Amino acid sequence: MSRILEGLLLAVLTVSLASAQSGAKKPIEGVWKVTEIAVTGPNASNNAKAQPSLFIFAQQHYSLMYVPGNKPRTLYKAEAPTNEEKIAAFDSLIANTGTYEISGSTLTIHPIVARNPNFMAGGSDKYQYRIDGTTLTLTEKSTDLTTRIGNRLVPASGPAGETRLKLVRVE
């Protein structure tokens, strides 16, 4: 009888431990804001005064919005914006939300909803990530971004370069 109880206890402990480990919080989980953006390549820049941003990582989902430029977004001049104002507003914001996965030091995002409809149509983006205390660094090669063009997923076109986002934990 004691062997049966030992076996049952071992099974319960194994299941409990497996459940606890699968629900363990990942180091990337939390809320982050961008503090610096560095871009290499033909359009190189370094923005140490990042504009408003918010990156949220839950256990399997993420949401990110940030202003990549070094100036605040331009306000509309009237309640009904012009087409030019709408285009400028669209171009001044990065926004998407979806699922993510981590493999080693690679973070891959898969958008469900994005500002760019071609990105949310099966696209993805990869970042090399590193966490040092309350700082998260995300480095993206321009060739690691894929979007849908017609019936194919293709890497982003344009000059090769890297974007490095430095973020700090908000919570």
N, C-alpha and C. Protein backbone atom coordinates (compact mmCIF):
# COMPACT_ATOMS: atom_id res chain seq x y z
N MET A 1 0.81 -1.19 0.00
CA MET A 1 0.00 0.00 0.00
C MET A 1 0.87 1.27 0.00
N SER A 2 1.98 1.27 0.76
CA SER A 2 2.82 2.46 0.83
C SER A 2 3.49 2.73 -0.53
N ARG A 3 3.77 1.69 -1.31
CA ARG A 3 4.35 1.87 -2.64
C ARG A 3 3.36 2.59 -3.55
N ILE A 4 2.09 2.25 -3.43
CA ILE A 4 1.06 2.90 -4.24
C ILE A 4 0.97 4.37 -3.84
N LEU A 5 0.97 4.66 -2.55
CA LEU A 5 0.92 6.05 -2.08
C LEU A 5 2.15 6.82 -2.52
N GLU A 6 3.33 6.20 -2.43
CA GLU A 6 4.55 6.85 -2.88
C GLU A 6 4.47 7.17 -4.37
N GLY A 7 3.96 6.24 -5.16
CA GLY A 7 3.81 6.45 -6.60
C GLY A 7 2.85 7.58 -6.90
N LEU A 8 1.71 7.60 -6.20
CA LEU A 8 0.73 8.68 -6.39
C LEU A 8 1.32 10.02 -5.99
N LEU A 9 2.01 10.07 -4.87
CA LEU A 9 2.62 11.31 -4.41
C LEU A 9 3.66 11.80 -5.42
N LEU A 10 4.47 10.90 -5.94
CA LEU A 10 5.46 11.26 -6.94
C LEU A 10 4.79 11.81 -8.20
N ALA A 11 3.71 11.18 -8.64
CA ALA A 11 2.99 11.65 -9.83
C ALA A 11 2.41 13.04 -9.60
N VAL A 12 1.81 13.27 -8.44
CA VAL A 12 1.23 14.59 -8.12
C VAL A 12 2.32 15.65 -8.08
N LEU A 13 3.45 15.35 -7.46
CA LEU A 13 4.55 16.31 -7.40
C LEU A 13 5.11 16.62 -8.78
N THR A 14 5.23 15.62 -9.62
CA THR A 14 5.74 15.81 -10.98
C THR A 14 4.82 16.72 -11.78
N VAL A 15 3.51 16.47 -11.71
CA VAL A 15 2.54 17.30 -12.43
C VAL A 15 2.56 18.72 -11.88
N SER A 16 2.62 18.86 -10.56
CA SER A 16 2.65 20.19 -9.95
C SER A 16 3.89 20.97 -10.37
N LEU A 17 5.04 20.32 -10.37
CA LEU A 17 6.28 20.96 -10.76
C LEU A 17 6.24 21.37 -12.24
N ALA A 18 5.74 20.50 -13.09
CA ALA A 18 5.63 20.82 -14.52
C ALA A 18 4.70 22.00 -14.74
N SER A 19 3.59 22.06 -14.04
CA SER A 19 2.65 23.17 -14.16
C SER A 19 3.29 24.46 -13.69
N ALA A 20 4.00 24.42 -12.59
CA ALA A 20 4.65 25.62 -12.06
C ALA A 20 5.71 26.13 -13.02
N GLN A 21 6.48 25.22 -13.63
CA GLN A 21 7.53 25.64 -14.54
C GLN A 21 6.95 26.23 -15.82
N SER A 22 5.87 25.65 -16.34
CA SER A 22 5.29 26.17 -17.59
C SER A 22 4.65 27.52 -17.37
N GLY A 23 4.24 27.82 -16.15
CA GLY A 23 3.64 29.10 -15.85
C GLY A 23 4.65 30.11 -15.33
N ALA A 24 5.93 29.75 -15.30
CA ALA A 24 6.96 30.65 -14.79
C ALA A 24 7.06 31.88 -15.67
N LYS A 25 7.27 33.00 -15.05
CA LYS A 25 7.37 34.27 -15.77
C LYS A 25 8.70 34.35 -16.51
N LYS A 26 8.64 34.75 -17.77
CA LYS A 26 9.84 34.95 -18.58
C LYS A 26 10.46 36.29 -18.20
N PRO A 27 11.77 36.43 -18.30
CA PRO A 27 12.41 37.71 -17.95
C PRO A 27 11.92 38.88 -18.80
N ILE A 28 11.46 38.62 -20.02
CA ILE A 28 11.01 39.70 -20.91
C ILE A 28 9.60 40.19 -20.55
N GLU A 29 8.85 39.39 -19.78
CA GLU A 29 7.48 39.77 -19.44
C GLU A 29 7.47 41.06 -18.63
N GLY A 30 6.57 41.95 -19.01
CA GLY A 30 6.44 43.21 -18.31
C GLY A 30 6.17 44.34 -19.28
N VAL A 31 6.33 45.55 -18.78
CA VAL A 31 6.07 46.75 -19.57
C VAL A 31 7.39 47.52 -19.68
N TRP A 32 7.70 47.94 -20.89
CA TRP A 32 8.97 48.59 -21.19
C TRP A 32 8.73 49.86 -21.99
N LYS A 33 9.66 50.82 -21.90
CA LYS A 33 9.60 52.01 -22.77
C LYS A 33 10.95 52.22 -23.42
N VAL A 34 10.93 52.72 -24.63
CA VAL A 34 12.15 52.96 -25.40
C VAL A 34 12.85 54.20 -24.86
N THR A 35 14.16 54.09 -24.64
CA THR A 35 14.95 55.24 -24.21
C THR A 35 15.95 55.69 -25.27
N GLU A 36 16.26 54.78 -26.20
CA GLU A 36 17.25 55.12 -27.23
C GLU A 36 17.01 54.27 -28.46
N ILE A 37 17.20 54.88 -29.63
CA ILE A 37 17.09 54.16 -30.90
C ILE A 37 18.34 54.47 -31.72
N ALA A 38 19.06 53.43 -32.12
CA ALA A 38 20.25 53.60 -32.96
C ALA A 38 20.04 52.81 -34.24
N VAL A 39 20.28 53.45 -35.37
CA VAL A 39 20.11 52.83 -36.68
C VAL A 39 21.44 52.88 -37.43
N THR A 40 21.82 51.74 -38.03
CA THR A 40 23.05 51.71 -38.84
C THR A 40 22.66 51.61 -40.31
N GLY A 41 23.63 51.77 -41.18
CA GLY A 41 23.37 51.68 -42.61
C GLY A 41 23.30 53.05 -43.24
N PRO A 42 22.79 53.14 -44.47
CA PRO A 42 22.76 54.42 -45.20
C PRO A 42 21.97 55.52 -44.49
N ASN A 43 20.94 55.16 -43.73
CA ASN A 43 20.13 56.16 -43.02
C ASN A 43 20.45 56.14 -41.53
N ALA A 44 21.74 56.08 -41.21
CA ALA A 44 22.19 55.94 -39.82
C ALA A 44 21.74 57.13 -38.98
N SER A 45 21.38 56.81 -37.74
CA SER A 45 21.00 57.86 -36.79
C SER A 45 21.13 57.30 -35.39
N ASN A 46 21.20 58.20 -34.43
CA ASN A 46 21.21 57.80 -33.03
C ASN A 46 20.31 58.78 -32.29
N ASN A 47 19.24 58.26 -31.75
CA ASN A 47 18.26 59.08 -31.06
C ASN A 47 18.28 58.73 -29.58
N ALA A 48 18.96 59.55 -28.79
CA ALA A 48 19.05 59.32 -27.35
C ALA A 48 17.90 59.98 -26.60
N LYS A 49 17.01 60.66 -27.32
CA LYS A 49 15.84 61.29 -26.70
C LYS A 49 14.59 60.71 -27.34
N ALA A 50 14.37 59.45 -27.08
CA ALA A 50 13.27 58.73 -27.72
C ALA A 50 11.92 59.36 -27.36
N GLN A 51 11.02 59.28 -28.30
CA GLN A 51 9.65 59.78 -28.14
C GLN A 51 8.81 58.74 -27.40
N PRO A 52 7.54 59.04 -27.12
CA PRO A 52 6.70 58.11 -26.36
C PRO A 52 6.64 56.71 -26.96
N SER A 53 6.56 55.71 -26.06
CA SER A 53 6.53 54.32 -26.50
C SER A 53 5.99 53.46 -25.38
N LEU A 54 5.55 52.27 -25.75
CA LEU A 54 5.16 51.27 -24.77
C LEU A 54 5.24 49.90 -25.42
N PHE A 55 6.02 49.02 -24.83
CA PHE A 55 6.13 47.62 -25.24
C PHE A 55 5.62 46.79 -24.08
N ILE A 56 4.67 45.92 -24.35
CA ILE A 56 4.10 45.07 -23.30
C ILE A 56 4.29 43.61 -23.73
N PHE A 57 4.91 42.83 -22.87
CA PHE A 57 5.09 41.40 -23.12
C PHE A 57 4.38 40.63 -22.02
N ALA A 58 3.38 39.84 -22.40
CA ALA A 58 2.72 38.91 -21.49
C ALA A 58 3.37 37.55 -21.71
N GLN A 59 2.74 36.49 -21.24
CA GLN A 59 3.37 35.17 -21.36
C GLN A 59 3.52 34.72 -22.81
N GLN A 60 2.53 34.98 -23.66
CA GLN A 60 2.61 34.57 -25.07
C GLN A 60 2.32 35.71 -26.04
N HIS A 61 1.81 36.82 -25.55
CA HIS A 61 1.40 37.92 -26.41
C HIS A 61 2.21 39.18 -26.12
N TYR A 62 2.25 40.04 -27.13
CA TYR A 62 2.95 41.30 -26.99
C TYR A 62 2.10 42.40 -27.62
N SER A 63 2.41 43.62 -27.26
CA SER A 63 1.83 44.79 -27.91
C SER A 63 2.89 45.87 -27.87
N LEU A 64 3.11 46.53 -29.00
CA LEU A 64 4.11 47.59 -29.01
C LEU A 64 3.63 48.77 -29.85
N MET A 65 3.95 49.94 -29.35
CA MET A 65 3.69 51.19 -30.06
C MET A 65 4.83 52.14 -29.72
N TYR A 66 5.41 52.73 -30.76
CA TYR A 66 6.42 53.74 -30.48
C TYR A 66 6.57 54.70 -31.64
N VAL A 67 7.08 55.88 -31.30
CA VAL A 67 7.35 56.93 -32.27
C VAL A 67 8.84 56.85 -32.56
N PRO A 68 9.22 56.41 -33.77
CA PRO A 68 10.64 56.18 -34.05
C PRO A 68 11.47 57.44 -34.25
N GLY A 69 10.85 58.56 -34.53
CA GLY A 69 11.61 59.78 -34.81
C GLY A 69 12.16 60.44 -33.56
N ASN A 70 12.82 61.58 -33.77
CA ASN A 70 13.39 62.31 -32.64
C ASN A 70 12.59 63.57 -32.29
N LYS A 71 11.44 63.74 -32.94
CA LYS A 71 10.58 64.89 -32.67
C LYS A 71 9.18 64.40 -32.33
N PRO A 72 8.45 65.16 -31.53
CA PRO A 72 7.06 64.77 -31.24
C PRO A 72 6.23 64.71 -32.52
N ARG A 73 5.20 63.89 -32.50
CA ARG A 73 4.30 63.79 -33.65
C ARG A 73 3.59 65.13 -33.86
N THR A 74 3.37 65.47 -35.12
CA THR A 74 2.72 66.72 -35.47
C THR A 74 1.21 66.60 -35.24
N LEU A 75 0.66 67.59 -34.56
CA LEU A 75 -0.77 67.60 -34.30
C LEU A 75 -1.53 68.02 -35.55
N TYR A 76 -2.76 67.54 -35.69
CA TYR A 76 -3.62 67.99 -36.78
C TYR A 76 -3.96 69.46 -36.56
N LYS A 77 -4.13 70.19 -37.65
CA LYS A 77 -4.45 71.62 -37.55
C LYS A 77 -5.93 71.88 -37.29
N ALA A 78 -6.75 70.88 -37.61
CA ALA A 78 -8.20 71.03 -37.41
C ALA A 78 -8.76 69.68 -36.97
N GLU A 79 -10.03 69.66 -36.64
CA GLU A 79 -10.66 68.42 -36.19
C GLU A 79 -10.64 67.36 -37.29
N ALA A 80 -10.84 67.79 -38.54
CA ALA A 80 -10.80 66.87 -39.68
C ALA A 80 -9.45 67.03 -40.38
N PRO A 81 -8.54 66.06 -40.20
CA PRO A 81 -7.20 66.20 -40.79
C PRO A 81 -7.23 66.08 -42.31
N THR A 82 -6.23 66.70 -42.93
CA THR A 82 -6.06 66.56 -44.37
C THR A 82 -5.45 65.20 -44.66
N ASN A 83 -5.49 64.79 -45.92
CA ASN A 83 -4.86 63.52 -46.30
C ASN A 83 -3.36 63.55 -46.01
N GLU A 84 -2.72 64.69 -46.24
CA GLU A 84 -1.29 64.82 -45.96
C GLU A 84 -1.02 64.64 -44.47
N GLU A 85 -1.87 65.20 -43.62
CA GLU A 85 -1.70 65.05 -42.17
C GLU A 85 -1.90 63.59 -41.75
N LYS A 86 -2.85 62.91 -42.37
CA LYS A 86 -3.08 61.50 -42.06
C LYS A 86 -1.87 60.65 -42.44
N ILE A 87 -1.30 60.93 -43.61
CA ILE A 87 -0.12 60.18 -44.05
C ILE A 87 1.05 60.43 -43.11
N ALA A 88 1.26 61.68 -42.73
CA ALA A 88 2.36 62.01 -41.80
C ALA A 88 2.14 61.31 -40.46
N ALA A 89 0.91 61.24 -39.99
CA ALA A 89 0.62 60.57 -38.72
C ALA A 89 0.88 59.07 -38.84
N PHE A 90 0.45 58.47 -39.95
CA PHE A 90 0.68 57.04 -40.19
C PHE A 90 2.17 56.73 -40.20
N ASP A 91 2.94 57.57 -40.91
CA ASP A 91 4.38 57.34 -41.05
C ASP A 91 5.17 57.59 -39.77
N SER A 92 4.56 58.25 -38.79
CA SER A 92 5.29 58.61 -37.57
C SER A 92 5.03 57.67 -36.40
N LEU A 93 4.48 56.49 -36.68
CA LEU A 93 4.14 55.58 -35.59
C LEU A 93 4.37 54.13 -36.01
N ILE A 94 4.96 53.36 -35.14
CA ILE A 94 5.08 51.91 -35.31
C ILE A 94 4.10 51.29 -34.32
N ALA A 95 3.23 50.41 -34.78
CA ALA A 95 2.23 49.81 -33.89
C ALA A 95 1.86 48.42 -34.39
N ASN A 96 1.96 47.43 -33.50
CA ASN A 96 1.47 46.09 -33.81
C ASN A 96 1.34 45.30 -32.52
N THR A 97 0.55 44.26 -32.60
CA THR A 97 0.30 43.40 -31.45
C THR A 97 0.04 41.99 -31.94
N GLY A 98 0.43 41.01 -31.16
CA GLY A 98 0.26 39.62 -31.59
C GLY A 98 0.88 38.65 -30.61
N THR A 99 1.51 37.61 -31.16
CA THR A 99 2.16 36.60 -30.32
C THR A 99 3.67 36.69 -30.53
N TYR A 100 4.40 36.08 -29.60
CA TYR A 100 5.85 36.05 -29.75
C TYR A 100 6.38 34.73 -29.24
N GLU A 101 7.59 34.44 -29.65
CA GLU A 101 8.30 33.25 -29.17
C GLU A 101 9.76 33.61 -28.95
N ILE A 102 10.37 32.90 -28.04
CA ILE A 102 11.79 33.11 -27.75
C ILE A 102 12.52 31.79 -27.95
N SER A 103 13.64 31.87 -28.66
CA SER A 103 14.51 30.71 -28.85
C SER A 103 15.94 31.20 -28.62
N GLY A 104 16.53 30.78 -27.52
CA GLY A 104 17.86 31.29 -27.18
C GLY A 104 17.79 32.79 -26.95
N SER A 105 18.59 33.55 -27.71
CA SER A 105 18.57 35.00 -27.57
C SER A 105 17.79 35.67 -28.70
N THR A 106 16.95 34.91 -29.41
CA THR A 106 16.15 35.45 -30.51
C THR A 106 14.69 35.57 -30.10
N LEU A 107 14.15 36.76 -30.26
CA LEU A 107 12.73 37.05 -30.03
C LEU A 107 12.08 37.22 -31.40
N THR A 108 11.06 36.42 -31.69
CA THR A 108 10.34 36.53 -32.96
C THR A 108 8.90 36.94 -32.67
N ILE A 109 8.47 38.01 -33.32
CA ILE A 109 7.09 38.47 -33.14
C ILE A 109 6.28 38.11 -34.38
N HIS A 110 5.00 37.78 -34.13
CA HIS A 110 4.05 37.43 -35.19
C HIS A 110 2.81 38.31 -34.99
N PRO A 111 2.69 39.40 -35.75
CA PRO A 111 1.58 40.32 -35.53
C PRO A 111 0.23 39.73 -35.92
N ILE A 112 -0.76 40.04 -35.11
CA ILE A 112 -2.15 39.70 -35.42
C ILE A 112 -2.84 40.95 -35.97
N VAL A 113 -2.51 42.10 -35.37
CA VAL A 113 -3.00 43.40 -35.83
C VAL A 113 -1.79 44.32 -35.94
N ALA A 114 -1.69 45.06 -37.04
CA ALA A 114 -0.56 45.98 -37.22
C ALA A 114 -0.99 47.19 -38.03
N ARG A 115 -0.28 48.28 -37.83
CA ARG A 115 -0.51 49.49 -38.63
C ARG A 115 -0.37 49.17 -40.10
N ASN A 116 0.60 48.31 -40.44
CA ASN A 116 0.84 47.89 -41.82
C ASN A 116 0.08 46.59 -42.09
N PRO A 117 -0.94 46.61 -42.96
CA PRO A 117 -1.72 45.39 -43.21
C PRO A 117 -0.90 44.25 -43.82
N ASN A 118 0.15 44.55 -44.56
CA ASN A 118 0.99 43.49 -45.14
C ASN A 118 1.81 42.77 -44.07
N PHE A 119 2.13 43.47 -42.98
CA PHE A 119 2.88 42.86 -41.89
C PHE A 119 1.99 41.91 -41.11
N MET A 120 0.72 42.26 -40.93
CA MET A 120 -0.19 41.41 -40.16
C MET A 120 -0.76 40.27 -41.00
N ALA A 121 -0.40 40.20 -42.26
CA ALA A 121 -0.91 39.14 -43.15
C ALA A 121 0.07 37.98 -43.22
N GLY A 122 0.66 37.62 -42.10
CA GLY A 122 1.58 36.49 -42.05
C GLY A 122 3.03 36.87 -41.85
N GLY A 123 3.32 38.16 -41.73
CA GLY A 123 4.69 38.62 -41.55
C GLY A 123 5.22 38.30 -40.16
N SER A 124 6.49 38.58 -39.98
CA SER A 124 7.13 38.39 -38.69
C SER A 124 8.36 39.28 -38.62
N ASP A 125 8.90 39.40 -37.43
CA ASP A 125 10.12 40.18 -37.24
C ASP A 125 10.95 39.49 -36.17
N LYS A 126 12.25 39.48 -36.36
CA LYS A 126 13.15 38.85 -35.40
C LYS A 126 14.07 39.90 -34.79
N TYR A 127 14.31 39.73 -33.51
CA TYR A 127 15.22 40.60 -32.78
C TYR A 127 16.19 39.71 -31.99
N GLN A 128 17.42 40.13 -31.90
CA GLN A 128 18.32 39.57 -30.91
C GLN A 128 18.05 40.37 -29.65
N TYR A 129 17.84 39.69 -28.54
CA TYR A 129 17.51 40.45 -27.33
C TYR A 129 18.47 40.11 -26.20
N ARG A 130 18.62 41.09 -25.32
CA ARG A 130 19.46 40.93 -24.15
C ARG A 130 18.83 41.73 -23.02
N ILE A 131 18.81 41.15 -21.84
CA ILE A 131 18.28 41.84 -20.66
C ILE A 131 19.41 41.97 -19.66
N ASP A 132 19.67 43.20 -19.24
CA ASP A 132 20.65 43.50 -18.20
C ASP A 132 19.91 44.28 -17.12
N GLY A 133 19.54 43.61 -16.05
CA GLY A 133 18.79 44.27 -14.97
C GLY A 133 17.45 44.77 -15.47
N THR A 134 17.28 46.09 -15.50
CA THR A 134 16.01 46.68 -15.95
C THR A 134 16.11 47.23 -17.37
N THR A 135 17.15 46.84 -18.09
CA THR A 135 17.34 47.30 -19.47
C THR A 135 17.17 46.14 -20.44
N LEU A 136 16.37 46.35 -21.47
CA LEU A 136 16.14 45.38 -22.54
C LEU A 136 16.69 45.99 -23.83
N THR A 137 17.55 45.26 -24.51
CA THR A 137 18.08 45.72 -25.80
C THR A 137 17.55 44.78 -26.88
N LEU A 138 16.92 45.36 -27.90
CA LEU A 138 16.39 44.62 -29.05
C LEU A 138 17.14 45.09 -30.28
N THR A 139 17.78 44.16 -30.99
CA THR A 139 18.51 44.50 -32.21
C THR A 139 17.89 43.75 -33.38
N GLU A 140 17.49 44.52 -34.38
CA GLU A 140 16.80 43.97 -35.55
C GLU A 140 17.63 44.25 -36.80
N LYS A 141 17.90 43.22 -37.58
CA LYS A 141 18.49 43.41 -38.90
C LYS A 141 17.35 43.67 -39.87
N SER A 142 17.55 44.58 -40.80
CA SER A 142 16.48 44.93 -41.73
C SER A 142 15.99 43.72 -42.51
N THR A 143 16.84 42.72 -42.73
CA THR A 143 16.46 41.53 -43.48
C THR A 143 15.65 40.54 -42.65
N ASP A 144 15.50 40.80 -41.33
CA ASP A 144 14.74 39.89 -40.46
C ASP A 144 13.26 40.22 -40.41
N LEU A 145 12.84 41.28 -41.08
CA LEU A 145 11.43 41.67 -41.14
C LEU A 145 10.83 41.11 -42.42
N THR A 146 9.72 40.36 -42.30
CA THR A 146 9.03 39.85 -43.49
C THR A 146 7.61 40.38 -43.51
N THR A 147 7.14 40.66 -44.73
CA THR A 147 5.76 41.09 -44.95
C THR A 147 5.21 40.33 -46.15
N ARG A 148 3.91 40.38 -46.29
CA ARG A 148 3.26 39.71 -47.42
C ARG A 148 3.14 40.69 -48.58
N ILE A 149 3.66 40.27 -49.73
CA ILE A 149 3.48 41.00 -50.98
C ILE A 149 2.87 40.00 -51.94
N GLY A 150 1.62 40.22 -52.32
CA GLY A 150 0.92 39.25 -53.15
C GLY A 150 0.74 37.96 -52.38
N ASN A 151 1.16 36.86 -52.96
CA ASN A 151 1.02 35.55 -52.32
C ASN A 151 2.30 35.08 -51.63
N ARG A 152 3.29 35.97 -51.48
CA ARG A 152 4.56 35.55 -50.90
C ARG A 152 4.93 36.38 -49.68
N LEU A 153 5.63 35.74 -48.75
CA LEU A 153 6.24 36.46 -47.64
C LEU A 153 7.65 36.81 -48.08
N VAL A 154 8.00 38.08 -48.01
CA VAL A 154 9.30 38.53 -48.48
C VAL A 154 9.99 39.38 -47.43
N PRO A 155 11.34 39.36 -47.42
CA PRO A 155 12.05 40.24 -46.50
C PRO A 155 11.85 41.70 -46.91
N ALA A 156 12.00 42.58 -45.95
CA ALA A 156 11.86 44.00 -46.24
C ALA A 156 12.88 44.41 -47.30
N SER A 157 12.46 45.29 -48.18
CA SER A 157 13.38 45.79 -49.20
C SER A 157 14.05 47.05 -48.64
N GLY A 158 15.01 47.53 -49.34
CA GLY A 158 15.71 48.72 -48.89
C GLY A 158 17.12 48.38 -48.46
N PRO A 159 17.83 49.40 -48.07
CA PRO A 159 19.24 49.19 -47.70
C PRO A 159 19.37 48.36 -46.43
N ALA A 160 20.44 47.57 -46.38
CA ALA A 160 20.71 46.74 -45.20
C ALA A 160 21.13 47.64 -44.04
N GLY A 161 20.72 47.26 -42.88
CA GLY A 161 21.08 48.00 -41.69
C GLY A 161 20.53 47.31 -40.46
N GLU A 162 20.79 47.89 -39.33
CA GLU A 162 20.29 47.38 -38.06
C GLU A 162 19.63 48.51 -37.28
N THR A 163 18.63 48.13 -36.52
CA THR A 163 18.00 49.05 -35.58
C THR A 163 18.16 48.45 -34.19
N ARG A 164 18.72 49.25 -33.28
CA ARG A 164 18.87 48.80 -31.89
C ARG A 164 17.99 49.67 -31.01
N LEU A 165 17.06 49.02 -30.33
CA LEU A 165 16.18 49.71 -29.40
C LEU A 165 16.65 49.40 -27.99
N LYS A 166 16.85 50.44 -27.21
CA LYS A 166 17.20 50.26 -25.79
C LYS A 166 15.96 50.67 -25.01
N LEU A 167 15.48 49.73 -24.17
CA LEU A 167 14.27 49.96 -23.40
C LEU A 167 14.56 49.81 -21.91
N VAL A 168 13.75 50.47 -21.08
CA VAL A 168 13.83 50.26 -19.64
C VAL A 168 12.49 49.76 -19.14
N ARG A 169 12.56 48.94 -18.11
CA ARG A 169 11.35 48.36 -17.53
C ARG A 169 10.56 49.45 -16.82
N VAL A 170 9.25 49.49 -17.11
CA VAL A 170 8.34 50.40 -16.44
C VAL A 170 7.65 49.66 -15.30
N GLU A 171 7.29 48.40 -15.55
CA GLU A 171 6.72 47.53 -14.49
C GLU A 171 6.90 46.08 -14.86
